Protein backbone atom coordinates (compact mmCIF):
# COMPACT_ATOMS: atom_id res chain seq x y z
CA MET A 1 249.35 64.39 14.97
CA THR A 2 248.21 67.84 16.48
CA LYS A 3 246.73 68.44 13.65
CA ARG A 4 244.37 65.58 13.11
CA LEU A 5 243.45 66.11 16.25
CA ARG A 6 242.50 69.88 15.92
CA ASN A 7 240.27 68.91 13.28
CA SER A 8 238.11 65.77 14.61
CA LYS A 9 234.18 66.38 15.73
CA PRO A 10 232.99 65.00 19.01
CA ASP A 11 230.18 62.15 19.06
CA ALA A 12 226.65 63.70 18.00
CA SER A 13 224.01 63.00 20.49
CA PRO A 14 220.46 61.87 19.75
CA GLY A 15 217.83 64.87 18.64
CA PRO A 16 214.46 66.06 20.32
CA GLU A 17 212.64 64.25 17.38
CA GLU A 18 214.23 61.22 17.80
CA GLU A 19 213.89 61.33 21.34
CA MET A 20 210.19 61.98 21.10
CA ALA A 21 209.55 59.00 18.92
CA LYS A 22 210.95 56.54 20.53
CA LEU A 23 208.85 57.31 23.71
CA LEU A 24 206.10 57.60 21.76
CA LYS A 25 206.65 54.31 20.62
CA GLU A 26 207.17 52.94 23.99
CA GLN A 27 203.49 54.46 25.19
CA ARG A 28 202.01 52.75 22.49
CA LYS A 29 203.77 49.36 23.03
CA HIS A 30 202.31 49.68 27.14
CA GLU A 31 198.73 51.07 25.89
CA GLY A 32 198.32 48.04 24.06
CA LYS A 33 199.55 45.75 26.50
CA HIS A 34 196.87 47.21 29.13
CA ALA A 35 194.32 47.50 26.45
CA ARG A 36 194.94 43.48 26.21
CA LEU A 37 194.64 42.89 29.92
CA THR A 38 191.45 44.74 30.17
CA ALA A 39 189.76 42.90 27.73
CA GLU A 40 191.13 40.10 29.53
CA LEU A 41 189.95 41.21 32.92
CA LEU A 42 186.32 42.48 31.48
CA GLN A 43 186.33 38.44 30.18
CA THR A 44 187.39 36.99 33.16
CA GLU A 45 184.58 39.03 35.42
CA TRP A 46 181.96 37.99 32.69
CA ALA A 47 183.01 34.47 33.16
CA ILE A 48 183.04 34.52 37.14
CA SER A 49 179.83 36.59 36.96
CA ASN A 50 178.03 33.63 34.36
CA ILE A 51 179.52 30.67 36.88
CA ARG A 52 177.86 32.56 39.63
CA ALA A 53 174.84 32.69 38.15
CA LYS A 54 174.49 28.87 37.28
CA ARG A 55 175.53 27.90 40.75
CA GLY A 56 172.70 30.22 41.84
CA ALA A 57 170.79 28.54 39.57
CA ILE A 58 171.70 25.29 40.40
CA HIS A 59 170.82 26.28 43.93
CA ASN A 60 167.11 27.82 43.61
CA ARG A 61 166.29 24.47 42.26
CA LYS A 62 167.24 22.15 45.14
CA ILE A 63 165.35 24.40 47.72
CA SER A 64 162.63 26.43 48.13
CA VAL A 65 161.21 28.99 50.97
CA LEU A 66 158.41 27.04 51.85
CA ASN A 67 158.27 23.06 51.08
CA LEU A 68 154.58 23.11 50.74
CA PRO A 69 152.04 20.98 48.47
CA ASN A 70 151.31 23.73 45.41
CA GLU A 71 147.79 24.23 46.56
CA VAL A 72 148.80 25.51 50.12
CA THR A 73 151.65 28.08 48.24
CA CYS A 74 148.32 29.37 46.14
CA ILE A 75 145.93 29.42 49.12
CA ILE A 76 148.90 31.58 51.16
CA PHE A 77 149.03 33.59 47.50
CA ASP A 78 145.76 34.51 47.92
CA TYR A 79 146.01 35.84 51.36
CA ALA A 80 149.17 37.77 50.68
CA PHE A 81 148.00 39.16 47.57
CA VAL A 82 144.60 40.33 49.54
CA HIS A 83 146.33 42.03 52.18
CA SER A 84 148.78 43.76 50.02
CA VAL A 85 145.72 45.37 48.82
CA LEU A 86 143.47 45.98 50.97
CA SER A 87 147.01 47.03 53.77
CA PRO A 88 148.66 51.04 54.05
CA ASN A 89 151.92 50.88 51.94
CA GLY A 90 153.83 52.80 54.88
CA SER A 91 154.01 56.04 55.46
CA SER A 92 155.78 57.39 52.39
CA SER A 93 153.19 57.63 49.50
CA SER A 94 156.43 58.29 46.83
CA LYS A 95 157.91 55.23 47.89
CA LYS A 96 157.21 52.55 44.94
CA ILE A 97 156.14 49.00 46.62
CA PRO A 98 156.70 46.16 44.39
CA LEU A 99 153.45 44.25 43.45
CA PHE A 100 152.64 40.95 45.56
CA GLU A 101 152.83 39.26 42.31
CA VAL A 102 155.41 40.17 41.25
CA VAL A 103 157.67 39.80 44.25
CA ALA A 104 156.50 35.90 44.82
CA SER A 105 157.24 35.49 41.36
CA HIS A 106 160.84 36.20 42.15
CA VAL A 107 161.66 34.95 45.28
CA CYS A 108 163.02 30.94 44.61
CA HIS A 109 162.43 28.83 41.80
CA HIS A 110 159.40 26.92 43.29
CA TRP A 111 157.49 29.92 43.83
CA ARG A 112 158.40 31.27 40.74
CA PHE A 113 156.90 28.37 38.81
CA VAL A 114 154.02 28.23 40.96
CA ALA A 115 152.79 31.97 40.59
CA LEU A 116 153.43 31.95 37.03
CA SER A 117 151.54 28.70 37.13
CA TYR A 118 148.59 30.07 39.36
CA PRO A 119 146.29 32.02 37.10
CA GLN A 120 144.33 33.95 39.82
CA LEU A 121 146.99 35.73 40.81
CA TRP A 122 146.95 37.93 37.61
CA SER A 123 143.77 38.09 37.18
CA HIS A 124 143.88 41.73 39.29
CA PHE A 125 145.08 44.71 36.78
CA ARG A 126 144.63 48.36 37.83
CA TYR A 127 146.13 51.10 36.39
CA ASN A 128 146.64 54.90 37.52
CA SER A 129 147.57 57.79 34.56
CA LYS A 130 148.06 60.20 37.51
CA ARG A 131 151.81 57.95 37.61
CA GLY A 132 152.98 58.47 33.45
CA PRO A 133 152.76 56.98 30.80
CA SER A 134 150.87 53.48 29.85
CA LEU A 135 153.94 52.32 27.74
CA VAL A 136 155.22 49.96 30.32
CA SER A 137 151.61 49.12 31.73
CA LEU A 138 150.73 47.47 28.38
CA ALA A 139 153.26 45.65 27.96
CA GLN A 140 152.50 44.49 31.74
CA PHE A 141 148.74 44.13 30.69
CA ASN A 142 149.17 41.42 28.15
CA ALA A 143 151.42 39.66 30.69
CA TYR A 144 148.50 39.68 32.63
CA MET A 145 146.08 38.92 30.63
CA GLU A 146 148.14 35.70 29.20
CA ARG A 147 149.26 34.28 32.67
CA SER A 148 145.68 34.46 34.20
CA ARG A 149 144.39 32.64 31.18
CA ASN A 150 140.48 32.18 31.35
CA VAL A 151 139.50 32.96 34.74
CA GLY A 152 137.66 35.64 35.48
CA LEU A 153 139.24 39.65 35.41
CA GLU A 154 139.37 42.52 37.67
CA LEU A 155 140.20 45.51 35.75
CA TRP A 156 140.38 48.94 36.84
CA PHE A 157 141.98 51.84 35.21
CA ASN A 158 142.17 55.52 36.36
CA PHE A 159 141.92 58.00 33.43
CA ARG A 160 141.85 61.46 35.82
CA ALA A 161 144.08 64.34 35.90
CA ALA A 162 146.16 61.72 33.07
CA LEU A 163 149.24 62.55 31.60
CA GLY A 164 150.98 61.93 28.51
CA ASP A 165 149.17 61.22 24.91
CA LEU A 166 145.77 59.93 25.35
CA ASP A 167 146.43 57.56 22.51
CA ASP A 168 148.53 55.16 24.75
CA TYR A 169 145.13 55.50 27.12
CA ILE A 170 143.03 54.27 24.07
CA ARG A 171 145.39 51.77 23.44
CA LEU A 172 145.30 50.19 27.02
CA THR A 173 141.42 50.43 26.66
CA ARG A 174 141.36 48.59 23.46
CA ARG A 175 143.31 45.70 24.32
CA ALA A 176 140.92 45.61 27.35
CA LEU A 177 138.07 45.49 25.71
CA ARG A 178 139.54 42.40 23.72
CA HIS A 179 139.43 40.52 27.37
CA TYR A 180 135.49 41.54 27.66
CA LYS A 181 133.86 38.25 28.19
CA ARG A 182 136.56 37.54 30.89
CA TRP A 183 135.20 40.75 32.91
CA LYS A 184 134.08 39.94 36.41
CA ARG A 185 134.72 43.73 37.86
CA PHE A 186 135.27 46.39 35.74
CA THR A 187 136.20 49.99 36.76
CA LEU A 188 136.98 52.94 34.39
CA LEU A 189 137.40 56.68 35.94
CA SER A 190 137.70 59.71 33.67
CA ASP A 191 137.28 63.26 33.18
CA LEU A 192 136.17 65.81 30.50
CA GLU A 193 140.38 65.86 29.64
CA SER A 194 140.48 61.87 28.66
CA PRO A 195 137.27 61.11 26.77
CA VAL A 196 136.87 56.96 27.13
CA ILE A 197 134.62 57.50 23.85
CA GLU A 198 135.82 54.36 22.20
CA VAL A 199 134.49 52.15 25.15
CA HIS A 200 131.19 53.24 25.13
CA LEU A 201 130.53 52.78 21.12
CA CYS A 202 132.51 49.37 21.87
CA MET A 203 130.10 48.34 24.73
CA ARG A 204 126.94 49.80 22.35
CA ARG A 205 128.11 47.82 19.90
CA GLY A 206 125.17 44.67 18.30
CA SER A 207 124.50 42.20 21.40
CA MET A 208 127.68 42.55 23.15
CA SER A 209 127.58 40.10 26.62
CA ALA A 210 129.28 40.07 29.25
CA PRO A 211 128.49 36.80 31.26
CA MET A 212 130.82 36.98 34.15
CA LEU A 213 130.50 40.86 34.95
CA GLU A 214 129.51 41.19 38.60
CA HIS A 215 130.47 44.32 38.94
CA PHE A 216 130.63 47.64 36.72
CA ALA A 217 131.64 51.14 37.11
CA LEU A 218 132.14 53.66 34.36
CA CYS A 219 132.13 56.58 36.42
CA ALA A 220 133.00 59.30 33.02
CA GLU A 221 132.47 62.64 33.48
CA LYS A 222 129.97 63.85 30.36
CA GLY A 223 131.80 66.11 27.11
CA ASN A 224 134.69 65.57 24.75
CA GLY A 225 132.06 64.01 22.03
CA THR A 226 129.67 61.78 24.79
CA GLU A 227 126.84 64.55 23.84
CA GLY A 228 125.30 62.72 21.30
CA PHE A 229 124.51 60.13 23.86
CA SER A 230 122.33 62.18 26.33
CA GLY A 231 119.59 60.29 24.55
CA THR A 232 115.70 59.27 26.71
CA ILE A 233 116.18 56.59 29.10
CA THR A 234 113.00 55.33 30.07
CA SER A 235 113.46 51.97 31.67
CA MET A 236 116.36 49.41 33.34
CA ASN A 237 116.94 47.94 30.39
CA GLY A 238 119.98 49.97 29.17
CA ILE A 239 121.91 50.69 26.34
CA ILE A 240 125.11 48.76 26.83
CA PHE A 241 125.67 44.84 26.76
CA LYS A 242 122.19 44.39 25.14
CA GLY A 243 123.23 40.79 24.78
CA GLY A 244 122.77 40.44 28.55
CA THR A 245 124.63 40.80 32.26
CA PRO A 246 123.02 37.70 33.71
CA ASN A 247 125.41 38.02 36.65
CA LEU A 248 125.71 41.52 37.46
CA LYS A 249 124.81 42.70 40.77
CA SER A 250 126.83 45.86 41.40
CA VAL A 251 126.92 49.47 39.44
CA SER A 252 128.39 53.09 40.01
CA LEU A 253 127.91 55.30 37.76
CA ASP A 254 128.44 58.90 37.37
CA LEU A 255 125.19 61.06 36.95
CA THR A 256 126.90 63.46 34.51
CA GLY A 257 127.55 60.16 32.40
CA ALA A 258 125.00 57.81 33.77
CA PHE A 259 122.58 58.53 30.56
CA PHE A 260 124.97 56.78 27.78
CA CYS A 261 126.62 53.79 29.97
CA LEU A 262 123.56 52.67 31.53
CA PRO A 263 123.80 48.78 31.75
CA SER A 264 120.15 46.70 32.66
CA ILE A 265 120.37 47.04 36.00
CA ARG A 266 116.79 44.50 37.17
CA ASN A 267 119.17 42.46 38.90
CA VAL A 268 121.63 44.67 40.72
CA THR A 269 121.32 44.79 44.32
CA THR A 270 124.17 47.56 44.82
CA LEU A 271 123.70 50.73 43.46
CA HIS A 272 125.52 54.04 43.21
CA LEU A 273 124.80 56.83 41.34
CA GLU A 274 127.41 59.47 42.25
CA THR A 275 128.20 62.84 40.85
CA ARG A 276 131.59 64.47 41.62
CA ASP A 277 130.43 67.94 40.43
CA GLU A 278 128.34 69.20 43.38
CA SER A 279 127.71 72.47 41.37
CA ARG A 280 125.33 70.77 38.86
CA LYS A 281 121.68 69.80 39.03
CA PHE A 282 120.65 66.57 37.02
CA ASN A 283 117.21 66.18 35.48
CA LEU A 284 117.16 62.29 35.56
CA PRO A 285 114.24 60.86 34.32
CA ILE A 286 110.96 60.18 36.37
CA PRO A 287 110.31 56.89 35.24
CA LEU A 288 114.15 55.64 35.35
CA LEU A 289 114.42 57.21 38.86
CA TRP A 290 110.95 55.32 40.00
CA ASP A 291 112.54 51.93 38.42
CA VAL A 292 115.39 52.66 40.76
CA LEU A 293 113.63 53.26 43.95
CA THR A 294 111.01 50.32 43.33
CA LEU A 295 113.89 47.71 42.27
CA PRO A 296 112.83 44.47 44.08
CA PRO A 297 116.47 43.18 44.44
CA LEU A 298 118.14 46.55 45.58
CA VAL A 299 119.97 45.65 48.90
CA ASP A 300 122.46 49.16 48.69
CA LEU A 301 121.47 52.37 47.35
CA SER A 302 123.64 55.66 47.20
CA ILE A 303 123.12 58.79 45.60
CA ILE A 304 125.16 61.55 45.31
CA GLY A 305 123.43 64.73 43.46
CA ASP A 306 120.67 67.33 43.17
CA LEU A 307 118.09 66.00 41.24
CA VAL A 308 115.48 68.33 39.81
CA PRO A 309 111.86 66.53 39.37
CA PRO A 310 110.12 67.75 36.02
CA LEU A 311 106.98 69.45 36.99
CA ALA A 312 105.04 66.57 35.75
CA VAL A 313 105.43 64.79 38.94
CA ASP A 314 102.35 64.90 41.12
CA TYR A 315 103.15 64.26 44.58
CA ASP A 316 99.39 64.67 45.25
CA ARG A 317 99.23 61.35 44.34
CA LEU A 318 102.41 59.62 45.46
CA GLU A 319 101.98 56.20 46.67
CA PRO A 320 104.21 54.66 48.58
CA ILE A 321 107.78 53.30 47.30
CA MET A 322 108.28 50.03 48.37
CA LEU A 323 111.62 48.72 48.61
CA PRO A 324 111.11 45.30 50.32
CA SER A 325 115.27 44.52 50.18
CA LEU A 326 117.10 47.71 50.89
CA LYS A 327 119.56 47.45 54.21
CA HIS A 328 121.34 50.39 53.70
CA LEU A 329 120.65 53.92 52.12
CA ARG A 330 122.94 57.07 51.40
CA VAL A 331 121.84 60.43 50.08
CA ALA A 332 123.72 63.66 49.50
CA MET A 333 122.88 66.76 47.97
CA SER A 334 119.52 65.78 47.07
CA THR A 335 116.31 67.55 48.39
CA LEU A 336 114.15 65.78 46.20
CA LEU A 337 115.18 62.30 48.14
CA VAL A 338 114.82 63.94 51.67
CA TYR A 339 111.45 64.92 50.34
CA LEU A 340 110.75 61.37 49.69
CA LEU A 341 111.74 59.74 52.33
CA PRO A 342 108.54 59.62 54.46
CA PHE A 343 107.19 57.62 51.21
CA ILE A 344 109.94 54.57 51.45
CA ARG A 345 108.37 52.02 52.84
CA ALA A 346 111.89 49.60 53.78
CA PRO A 347 111.47 47.41 56.53
CA LEU A 348 114.43 46.05 56.51
CA LEU A 349 116.96 49.35 56.35
CA GLU A 350 119.46 49.12 59.01
CA THR A 351 121.70 51.80 57.81
CA LEU A 352 120.71 55.88 56.76
CA THR A 353 123.28 58.55 55.99
CA LEU A 354 122.60 61.87 54.93
CA LYS A 355 125.23 64.60 54.09
CA ASP A 356 125.00 68.33 52.65
CA VAL A 357 120.65 68.10 52.41
CA ASP A 358 118.48 70.43 54.12
CA PHE A 359 115.00 69.26 54.88
CA PRO A 360 112.36 71.28 53.36
CA PRO A 361 109.82 72.82 54.81
CA SER A 362 107.09 70.68 53.14
CA PHE A 363 108.93 67.46 54.62
CA ALA A 364 106.13 65.14 56.09
CA THR A 365 103.39 67.74 55.32
CA ARG A 366 99.78 66.97 53.64
CA PRO A 367 99.35 67.23 49.99
CA HIS A 368 96.62 70.16 50.69
CA GLY A 369 98.33 71.79 53.79
CA GLY A 370 98.68 69.89 57.18
CA VAL A 371 101.46 68.69 58.77
CA VAL A 372 100.88 64.52 59.09
CA PRO A 373 100.63 63.37 62.48
CA ILE A 374 103.50 61.93 64.09
CA SER A 375 101.63 58.94 64.79
CA ASN A 376 100.68 58.40 60.96
CA LEU A 377 104.78 58.13 60.06
CA TYR A 378 105.98 55.18 58.97
CA MET A 379 108.89 54.19 61.25
CA PHE A 380 111.98 52.22 59.60
CA PRO A 381 111.60 48.80 62.09
CA ALA A 382 115.16 47.60 61.29
CA LEU A 383 117.00 50.60 61.55
CA GLN A 384 120.03 50.59 63.42
CA SER A 385 122.42 53.26 62.15
CA LEU A 386 121.87 56.69 61.46
CA CYS A 387 124.45 59.54 60.75
CA PHE A 388 123.86 63.17 59.97
CA ILE A 389 126.55 64.85 57.86
CA ASN A 390 126.62 68.87 57.10
CA VAL A 391 121.83 68.20 57.47
CA SER A 392 120.07 70.99 57.75
CA ALA A 393 116.81 71.76 59.10
CA LEU A 394 114.94 75.14 60.37
CA LEU A 395 111.40 73.41 61.82
CA VAL A 396 111.69 72.30 64.99
CA ARG A 397 108.45 70.23 63.95
CA THR A 398 110.67 68.78 61.09
CA THR A 399 113.26 67.65 63.28
CA ARG A 400 110.89 65.71 65.56
CA GLN A 401 108.98 63.64 62.42
CA PHE A 402 112.31 62.62 61.48
CA ALA A 403 113.24 61.22 65.10
CA THR A 404 109.77 59.64 65.20
CA MET A 405 110.66 57.98 61.93
CA THR A 406 114.33 56.98 62.67
CA ALA A 407 113.34 56.22 66.59
CA ASN A 408 114.87 52.42 66.34
CA ALA A 409 118.20 54.00 66.10
CA THR A 410 120.68 52.14 67.96
CA GLU A 411 123.70 54.70 66.46
CA ILE A 412 123.47 58.13 65.64
CA THR A 413 125.99 59.91 63.85
CA PHE A 414 126.30 64.58 63.87
CA SER A 415 129.05 65.76 62.04
CA GLU A 416 128.35 69.37 61.30
CA GLY A 417 130.66 72.28 60.43
CA THR A 418 129.19 74.95 62.10
CA TYR A 419 126.62 74.59 64.99
CA GLU A 420 124.07 77.31 63.32
CA GLU A 421 120.71 76.08 61.38
CA ASN A 422 122.03 72.09 61.48
CA PHE A 423 119.86 69.50 62.11
CA PHE A 424 121.13 68.55 66.15
CA THR A 425 120.82 72.45 67.40
CA THR A 426 117.61 72.86 66.21
CA PHE A 427 116.40 69.45 67.22
CA ALA A 428 118.31 69.70 71.00
CA ASP A 429 118.60 72.77 71.24
CA ARG A 430 114.71 73.41 71.69
CA SER A 431 112.60 72.29 74.71
CA LEU A 432 110.98 69.00 73.74
CA PRO A 433 107.63 68.28 74.54
CA LYS A 434 106.26 65.23 76.73
CA GLU A 435 105.11 62.97 74.15
CA ILE A 436 108.92 63.18 72.72
CA LEU A 437 110.35 63.50 75.97
CA THR A 438 113.44 60.36 75.21
CA PRO A 439 114.00 60.61 71.47
CA TRP A 440 115.57 57.58 69.75
CA PRO A 441 114.51 55.95 73.00
CA LYS A 442 116.99 52.65 71.85
CA LEU A 443 119.61 54.91 71.58
CA LYS A 444 123.33 53.10 72.69
CA VAL A 445 126.12 54.90 70.84
CA LEU A 446 126.40 58.66 69.89
CA THR A 447 128.95 60.07 67.93
CA PHE A 448 129.07 63.67 68.29
CA ASN A 449 131.84 66.05 66.04
CA VAL A 450 130.35 69.04 66.07
CA GLU A 451 132.11 72.39 66.95
CA THR A 452 130.25 74.06 69.61
CA ASN A 453 130.53 75.37 73.00
CA ASN A 454 127.43 74.63 74.31
CA LEU A 455 126.25 71.63 76.19
CA ASN A 456 122.45 72.28 76.78
CA GLY A 457 121.67 70.19 73.82
CA LEU A 458 123.37 67.14 74.66
CA MET A 459 122.17 66.89 78.17
CA ARG A 460 119.15 67.04 77.02
CA LEU A 461 119.28 64.12 74.57
CA VAL A 462 119.87 61.84 77.50
CA LYS A 463 116.92 63.29 80.11
CA ASN A 464 115.52 60.56 81.70
CA ARG A 465 117.70 57.51 80.52
CA PRO A 466 119.94 55.75 83.13
CA LYS A 467 123.13 57.38 83.54
CA LYS A 468 126.12 55.87 81.23
CA SER A 469 123.46 53.99 78.94
CA VAL A 470 124.54 55.89 75.74
CA THR A 471 128.18 56.27 74.91
CA LEU A 472 129.39 59.61 73.79
CA ARG A 473 132.45 59.65 71.33
CA LEU A 474 134.45 62.39 70.57
CA PHE A 475 137.54 63.36 68.87
CA ASP A 476 140.56 63.91 71.43
CA ASP A 477 141.01 67.52 70.45
CA ILE A 478 137.30 68.21 70.63
CA ASN A 479 137.16 66.30 74.26
CA GLU A 480 140.13 68.37 75.42
CA GLU A 481 138.19 71.99 74.28
CA LEU A 482 135.29 70.85 75.93
CA GLN A 483 137.03 70.69 79.01
CA ILE A 484 138.72 73.79 78.94
CA CYS A 485 136.47 76.46 77.03
CA ASP A 486 134.32 78.93 78.51
CA LEU A 487 130.91 77.17 78.24
CA THR A 488 127.76 79.34 77.17
CA SER A 489 125.72 76.56 78.06
CA THR A 490 124.52 75.74 81.78
CA THR A 491 125.98 72.61 81.54
CA THR A 492 129.34 71.49 82.24
CA TYR A 493 132.01 69.15 81.31
CA ALA A 494 131.64 67.32 84.55
CA GLN A 495 127.84 66.95 84.66
CA LEU A 496 127.99 65.49 80.77
CA ALA A 497 130.55 63.22 82.06
CA ARG A 498 128.30 61.79 85.12
CA VAL A 499 125.31 60.91 82.14
CA TYR A 500 127.51 59.70 78.97
CA LYS A 501 130.26 57.02 78.93
CA ILE A 502 132.80 59.42 77.21
CA GLU A 503 134.92 57.84 74.65
CA THR A 504 137.77 59.65 72.45
CA ILE A 505 138.53 58.92 69.07
CA ASP A 506 142.29 59.23 67.91
CA SER A 507 142.87 61.95 65.57
CA ASN A 508 145.50 60.26 63.87
CA ARG A 509 143.92 57.18 63.39
CA ASN A 510 140.14 58.63 62.39
CA TRP A 511 138.47 55.22 61.72
CA LEU A 512 135.09 57.47 60.45
CA ARG A 513 137.74 58.69 57.30
CA GLN A 514 137.72 54.66 56.11
CA VAL A 515 134.28 54.59 55.16
CA ASN A 516 133.79 50.67 53.96
CA TRP A 517 130.13 50.73 52.24
CA PRO A 518 127.85 49.04 51.50
CA PRO A 519 128.92 46.96 54.97
CA SER A 520 131.02 44.14 55.01
CA THR A 521 128.69 41.09 54.27
CA GLU A 522 129.34 37.90 53.20
CA GLU A 523 127.69 38.55 50.11
CA SER A 524 128.20 42.55 49.56
CA GLY A 525 131.74 42.98 50.65
CA LEU A 526 133.83 43.20 48.05
CA ASP A 527 131.05 43.67 45.57
CA ARG A 528 133.49 46.58 44.25
CA GLY A 529 136.39 44.53 44.01
CA LEU A 530 140.05 45.02 45.65
CA PHE A 531 140.91 48.51 44.19
CA SER A 532 139.35 51.69 45.04
CA GLU A 533 141.90 54.69 45.62
CA GLU A 534 139.21 57.69 45.75
CA PRO A 535 138.19 58.68 49.06
CA ASP A 536 134.66 57.82 49.78
CA PRO A 537 132.48 61.10 49.85
CA PHE A 538 130.95 60.13 52.66
CA SER A 539 134.17 59.77 55.03
CA ILE A 540 133.96 62.27 57.82
CA ASP A 541 137.21 64.52 59.11
CA GLU A 542 137.64 66.04 62.50
CA TYR A 543 136.71 69.77 62.53
CA TYR A 544 139.08 70.75 64.56
CA ASP A 545 141.71 69.00 61.88
CA SER A 546 140.55 70.14 58.93
CA SER A 547 143.83 70.18 56.82
CA SER A 548 143.63 65.72 58.12
CA ASP A 549 141.43 65.35 54.62
CA SER A 550 141.19 61.89 52.76
CA ASP A 551 143.11 62.94 49.85
CA SER A 552 145.98 63.83 51.87
CA LYS A 553 146.31 59.88 52.81
CA PRO A 554 149.18 58.26 51.72
CA ASP A 555 148.31 56.34 48.14
CA THR A 556 147.00 52.15 48.26
CA HIS A 557 148.12 51.79 44.52
CA THR A 558 151.59 51.47 43.65
CA ASP A 559 152.99 50.16 39.90
CA THR A 560 156.17 48.29 39.48
CA ASP A 561 159.30 49.93 38.19
CA THR A 562 159.65 50.63 34.77
CA ASP A 563 162.41 48.20 34.30
CA THR A 564 160.33 44.97 35.11
CA ASP A 565 160.54 42.59 32.23
CA TRP A 566 156.67 41.65 31.71
CA SER A 567 157.61 38.94 29.22
CA LEU A 568 156.17 35.18 30.11
CA HIS A 569 159.25 33.61 30.95
CA SER A 570 161.53 36.45 31.95
């Protein structure tokens, strides 16, 4: 018995391999259970979300933000849309604010129904290439075109400083050209790096007409394939839209490209011929220039560019230039047009703005020598507003002649970067003869934006006038500087304050920078459309705060998020 116990073996325990296999089997069992529970949880969450969406849809069908007739809701949409475009979008220029028409279509079921059924709300489309590729904008454009149905369109494209593939922009313009018969206001801005030759070619074809077109702007710099379109334009008939533009009233063209994208301007009332290139001179054909300067319907004319007349112009036989309807005239960088001012007869002219021009010594002189007597100069009878921006004149005689021509002005603005040789210095800092002792006798408001520590000229300007009869507007910084600086004149600020009613302009709210031209009227207030983000070339900055130029303003145009679904029934 002892022998048997000595030879018997103890029970063997499981080895490491068997224990690992057992644990792995148990782990897989729990993982499978976890996967089933996770799938069940996701399915449950989806079901809850779907139920919530259905409940929300039923709830939205029962309520409306405003329980108003559809016609009244559309009027509200119109007002809110215009306000959203014309109002600043806040202090952050990088923040994207949704377009009003998009917001209105996502408020409630009733608003969405009205918004998607109201074509006018989708008849305005703007695109800015600075914000990247146009792939999303192409889908957006297609949705707008379908939702706007057959109403007139306002289209605004900025291809300057384009980012991305130019083919994207070409596709967008091609799509826009399909709807040219519905164009009401059309604006296209481009530069040498973003050619729009396709647009030019299409609009030159056959008898293409734009029956609804009221405002047309094609500010395209000449180049990149457009050289072949320089041509010789000798009349106002134009070379695009040969089929007719019976309602066209407002035109804006860049002088570098005006020759190859000129529509008929015979019935135009507002005309902009402006260039951004200050270094170039433009040999505008004299027949075309004369046609422009003698357009009977012309009410608003803005010309920016150094026009060089051909030698064939005979100034000795120059006849008066009759502009019977002209009310607002702006001229910049053109000595030729300044020279022609004494020949212009504009009985209705209300505002005259000059910028970056020099009065030539030959201003208001006789053909064969001699000065035109002041009594023989034409005086603009209806003139109210006169503005000088960086205008120079070396001859006192010239300034006196021009002051006589504009004697009826009631509001005058002088904005000069330096005090040397500018129009005001030459005119007011010299002793005035008795016959013009009180220039601009109807003057009521004088805006003075000139760096100076000499106040003698301002004092002479109001000599022999009743005290406080003229309001002197100064920027706040300039006003403070004139009070504390050491003046080189015999006039002190206190003396100035006794004869002028002094008002200050807030530098942070400079309304001189927000130019609205032509001045808003019932006829021409929105001729150029709602969308315009380029700073006006005639805006005025305070010289003591040169860093706050118009380019630093918050951008007032925003694009929608790239996630926006532009399907018609989304």
